[in-house]
Structure formats: structure tokens, C-alpha cells
Amino acid sequence: MLDGYRLVTAEILYHMPDHHGLIQTFLWQEYDLAPRYPELTKFLDHWEKNLDGPLHSVRVATKRIIGPTEFPYANYMATLH
């Protein structure tokens, strides 16, 4: 319905600019198109060009925004008076 957009969360680990032995975490979240992730790619390109903290790793998780309805069926039914 939303042209394939998904909620994308990226956990970005990067080295501290002044202390390369220390790693810090940055969480990024945006709506993006899987599997190419153009918005995430644009953000990471900006990071590498303009920020001093070099990237260590990026872990990505996605969730469809609109999916099939999840309807759990009841396994037990009781009546109280």
C-alpha cells in the first residue's frame, strides 16, 4: 500500500573521533525501501563525508508498515455468571 516502504532501524557502531579504540552506538530510524535502502545509504554516505567518527559496522532491522491482519484464534472459551 505504501509502495514497499518499511520502517528501518539501523544500529550504527562508530569509532570515537579522538579515541579510535572506543566504539559508540548511534540509532537511526526512517521509512525506507528494502532491500536497496536508498535513505540509509544516503545517510551513511553523508556520515562518511562529513563526520569524523569512522564507521565500524551497521546492523539493519526492518518491519513492514502495513501487513496482513494478525488475528489470533482463541483456544479456550468460558462463560462467567
N, C-alpha and C. Protein backbone atom coordinates (compact mmCIF):
# COMPACT_ATOMS: atom_id res chain seq x y z
N MET A 1 0.81 -1.20 0.00
CA MET A 1 0.00 0.00 0.00
C MET A 1 0.85 1.27 0.00
N LEU A 2 1.98 1.23 0.64
CA LEU A 2 2.84 2.41 0.70
C LEU A 2 4.05 2.24 -0.21
N ASP A 3 3.84 1.61 -1.35
CA ASP A 3 4.87 1.43 -2.37
C ASP A 3 6.12 0.73 -1.85
N GLY A 4 5.95 -0.23 -0.96
CA GLY A 4 7.08 -1.02 -0.48
C GLY A 4 7.89 -0.41 0.63
N TYR A 5 7.47 0.73 1.17
CA TYR A 5 8.23 1.35 2.26
C TYR A 5 8.10 0.53 3.53
N ARG A 6 9.17 0.49 4.28
CA ARG A 6 9.22 -0.21 5.56
C ARG A 6 9.86 0.70 6.60
N LEU A 7 9.58 0.42 7.84
CA LEU A 7 10.27 1.11 8.93
C LEU A 7 11.63 0.43 9.09
N VAL A 8 12.69 1.20 8.96
CA VAL A 8 14.05 0.66 9.01
C VAL A 8 14.75 1.26 10.22
N THR A 9 15.34 0.40 11.02
CA THR A 9 16.15 0.82 12.16
C THR A 9 17.56 0.33 11.92
N ALA A 10 18.53 1.24 12.02
CA ALA A 10 19.93 0.88 11.84
C ALA A 10 20.69 1.18 13.12
N GLU A 11 21.41 0.19 13.61
CA GLU A 11 22.31 0.38 14.74
C GLU A 11 23.70 0.61 14.15
N ILE A 12 24.21 1.81 14.30
CA ILE A 12 25.48 2.19 13.70
C ILE A 12 26.53 2.24 14.81
N LEU A 13 27.56 1.43 14.66
CA LEU A 13 28.68 1.46 15.59
C LEU A 13 29.81 2.23 14.92
N TYR A 14 30.38 3.19 15.64
CA TYR A 14 31.45 4.00 15.06
C TYR A 14 32.53 4.26 16.11
N HIS A 15 33.73 4.51 15.59
CA HIS A 15 34.87 4.81 16.46
C HIS A 15 34.79 6.27 16.90
N MET A 16 35.11 6.53 18.14
CA MET A 16 35.16 7.90 18.64
C MET A 16 36.26 8.66 17.89
N PRO A 17 35.99 9.90 17.49
CA PRO A 17 36.99 10.65 16.71
C PRO A 17 38.32 10.84 17.44
N ASP A 18 38.29 11.09 18.75
CA ASP A 18 39.51 11.36 19.50
C ASP A 18 40.15 10.10 20.09
N HIS A 19 39.35 9.03 20.24
CA HIS A 19 39.82 7.79 20.84
C HIS A 19 39.35 6.63 19.96
N HIS A 20 40.16 6.28 18.97
CA HIS A 20 39.74 5.27 17.99
C HIS A 20 39.55 3.88 18.60
N GLY A 21 40.05 3.67 19.79
CA GLY A 21 39.87 2.38 20.46
C GLY A 21 38.49 2.23 21.08
N LEU A 22 37.74 3.34 21.22
CA LEU A 22 36.40 3.29 21.80
C LEU A 22 35.35 3.30 20.70
N ILE A 23 34.31 2.52 20.90
CA ILE A 23 33.22 2.45 19.93
C ILE A 23 31.95 2.95 20.59
N GLN A 24 31.19 3.75 19.86
CA GLN A 24 29.93 4.31 20.34
C GLN A 24 28.81 3.84 19.43
N THR A 25 27.57 3.89 19.94
CA THR A 25 26.39 3.46 19.19
C THR A 25 25.53 4.65 18.83
N PHE A 26 24.99 4.62 17.61
CA PHE A 26 24.03 5.61 17.14
C PHE A 26 22.87 4.85 16.51
N LEU A 27 21.64 5.16 16.91
CA LEU A 27 20.46 4.51 16.33
C LEU A 27 19.81 5.47 15.34
N TRP A 28 19.50 4.96 14.16
CA TRP A 28 18.87 5.74 13.08
C TRP A 28 17.60 5.00 12.69
N GLN A 29 16.50 5.76 12.51
CA GLN A 29 15.24 5.14 12.14
C GLN A 29 14.53 6.02 11.13
N GLU A 30 14.05 5.40 10.05
CA GLU A 30 13.40 6.13 8.97
C GLU A 30 12.60 5.14 8.13
N TYR A 31 11.68 5.65 7.35
CA TYR A 31 10.97 4.82 6.38
C TYR A 31 11.83 4.71 5.13
N ASP A 32 12.01 3.50 4.63
CA ASP A 32 12.90 3.28 3.50
C ASP A 32 12.42 2.09 2.69
N LEU A 33 13.01 1.93 1.51
CA LEU A 33 12.65 0.84 0.60
C LEU A 33 13.65 -0.29 0.73
N ALA A 34 13.16 -1.46 1.13
CA ALA A 34 14.03 -2.64 1.19
C ALA A 34 14.05 -3.28 -0.19
N PRO A 35 15.08 -3.90 -0.62
CA PRO A 35 16.36 -4.19 0.05
C PRO A 35 17.46 -3.19 -0.29
N ARG A 36 17.20 -2.17 -1.11
CA ARG A 36 18.26 -1.24 -1.52
C ARG A 36 18.54 -0.18 -0.46
N TYR A 37 17.56 0.20 0.33
CA TYR A 37 17.68 1.20 1.40
C TYR A 37 18.33 2.50 0.92
N PRO A 38 17.71 3.21 -0.01
CA PRO A 38 18.32 4.44 -0.52
C PRO A 38 18.49 5.53 0.54
N GLU A 39 17.55 5.67 1.47
CA GLU A 39 17.67 6.70 2.51
C GLU A 39 18.82 6.38 3.47
N LEU A 40 18.94 5.13 3.85
CA LEU A 40 20.03 4.73 4.74
C LEU A 40 21.38 4.90 4.04
N THR A 41 21.44 4.54 2.77
CA THR A 41 22.67 4.70 2.02
C THR A 41 23.07 6.16 1.92
N LYS A 42 22.09 7.03 1.67
CA LYS A 42 22.36 8.47 1.60
C LYS A 42 22.87 8.99 2.94
N PHE A 43 22.26 8.53 4.05
CA PHE A 43 22.70 8.95 5.37
C PHE A 43 24.12 8.49 5.67
N LEU A 44 24.44 7.23 5.35
CA LEU A 44 25.78 6.71 5.61
C LEU A 44 26.83 7.40 4.74
N ASP A 45 26.48 7.74 3.50
CA ASP A 45 27.40 8.50 2.65
C ASP A 45 27.68 9.87 3.26
N HIS A 46 26.63 10.52 3.76
CA HIS A 46 26.80 11.82 4.42
C HIS A 46 27.70 11.67 5.65
N TRP A 47 27.49 10.60 6.42
CA TRP A 47 28.29 10.36 7.61
C TRP A 47 29.77 10.26 7.24
N GLU A 48 30.08 9.43 6.25
CA GLU A 48 31.48 9.20 5.89
C GLU A 48 32.15 10.46 5.33
N LYS A 49 31.40 11.32 4.65
CA LYS A 49 31.97 12.53 4.06
C LYS A 49 32.12 13.67 5.06
N ASN A 50 31.20 13.79 6.03
CA ASN A 50 31.13 14.99 6.86
C ASN A 50 31.43 14.80 8.34
N LEU A 51 31.44 13.57 8.84
CA LEU A 51 31.67 13.36 10.28
C LEU A 51 33.02 12.70 10.50
N ASP A 52 33.61 12.97 11.66
CA ASP A 52 34.95 12.49 11.95
C ASP A 52 34.99 11.06 12.46
N GLY A 53 33.92 10.56 13.06
CA GLY A 53 33.92 9.22 13.63
C GLY A 53 33.79 8.16 12.55
N PRO A 54 34.87 7.40 12.25
CA PRO A 54 34.78 6.38 11.21
C PRO A 54 33.84 5.25 11.61
N LEU A 55 33.10 4.75 10.63
CA LEU A 55 32.14 3.68 10.88
C LEU A 55 32.85 2.37 11.19
N HIS A 56 32.27 1.63 12.13
CA HIS A 56 32.77 0.30 12.46
C HIS A 56 31.87 -0.75 11.82
N SER A 57 30.56 -0.65 12.07
CA SER A 57 29.61 -1.60 11.49
C SER A 57 28.21 -1.01 11.55
N VAL A 58 27.32 -1.59 10.73
CA VAL A 58 25.92 -1.17 10.68
C VAL A 58 25.07 -2.43 10.68
N ARG A 59 24.10 -2.48 11.61
CA ARG A 59 23.17 -3.60 11.68
C ARG A 59 21.77 -3.05 11.39
N VAL A 60 21.05 -3.70 10.48
CA VAL A 60 19.77 -3.18 9.99
C VAL A 60 18.64 -4.14 10.37
N ALA A 61 17.52 -3.57 10.84
CA ALA A 61 16.30 -4.34 11.11
C ALA A 61 15.15 -3.62 10.42
N THR A 62 14.21 -4.37 9.84
CA THR A 62 13.08 -3.76 9.15
C THR A 62 11.77 -4.36 9.63
N LYS A 63 10.71 -3.61 9.44
CA LYS A 63 9.36 -4.05 9.78
C LYS A 63 8.41 -3.47 8.75
N ARG A 64 7.59 -4.33 8.15
CA ARG A 64 6.60 -3.83 7.21
C ARG A 64 5.63 -2.92 7.93
N ILE A 65 5.27 -1.83 7.28
CA ILE A 65 4.36 -0.87 7.89
C ILE A 65 2.94 -1.43 7.91
N ILE A 66 2.49 -1.90 6.77
CA ILE A 66 1.16 -2.47 6.66
C ILE A 66 1.31 -3.89 6.16
N GLY A 67 0.77 -4.82 6.90
CA GLY A 67 0.87 -6.22 6.53
C GLY A 67 -0.48 -6.90 6.69
N PRO A 68 -0.51 -8.19 6.48
CA PRO A 68 -1.75 -8.92 6.67
C PRO A 68 -2.23 -8.81 8.12
N THR A 69 -3.50 -8.80 8.28
CA THR A 69 -4.08 -8.70 9.62
C THR A 69 -3.70 -9.93 10.43
N GLU A 70 -3.26 -9.68 11.63
CA GLU A 70 -2.93 -10.77 12.54
C GLU A 70 -4.11 -10.98 13.47
N PHE A 71 -4.75 -12.13 13.36
CA PHE A 71 -5.93 -12.42 14.14
C PHE A 71 -5.70 -13.72 14.90
N PRO A 72 -5.42 -13.66 16.19
CA PRO A 72 -5.21 -14.89 16.94
C PRO A 72 -6.55 -15.56 17.27
N TYR A 73 -6.60 -16.83 17.07
CA TYR A 73 -7.80 -17.59 17.41
C TYR A 73 -7.74 -18.03 18.88
N ALA A 74 -8.89 -18.04 19.51
CA ALA A 74 -8.96 -18.46 20.91
C ALA A 74 -8.94 -19.98 20.99
N ASN A 75 -8.16 -20.49 21.91
CA ASN A 75 -8.10 -21.94 22.12
C ASN A 75 -9.06 -22.37 23.23
N TYR A 76 -9.58 -21.39 24.00
CA TYR A 76 -10.41 -21.71 25.15
C TYR A 76 -11.46 -20.63 25.29
N MET A 77 -12.68 -21.04 25.62
CA MET A 77 -13.75 -20.07 25.83
C MET A 77 -14.52 -20.47 27.07
N ALA A 78 -14.81 -19.50 27.94
CA ALA A 78 -15.53 -19.79 29.16
C ALA A 78 -16.57 -18.69 29.39
N THR A 79 -17.65 -19.04 30.09
CA THR A 79 -18.70 -18.09 30.41
C THR A 79 -18.78 -17.95 31.93
N LEU A 80 -18.77 -16.71 32.41
CA LEU A 80 -18.90 -16.45 33.85
C LEU A 80 -20.26 -15.80 34.10
N HIS A 81 -20.92 -16.21 35.17
CA HIS A 81 -22.21 -15.62 35.54
C HIS A 81 -22.06 -14.69 36.70
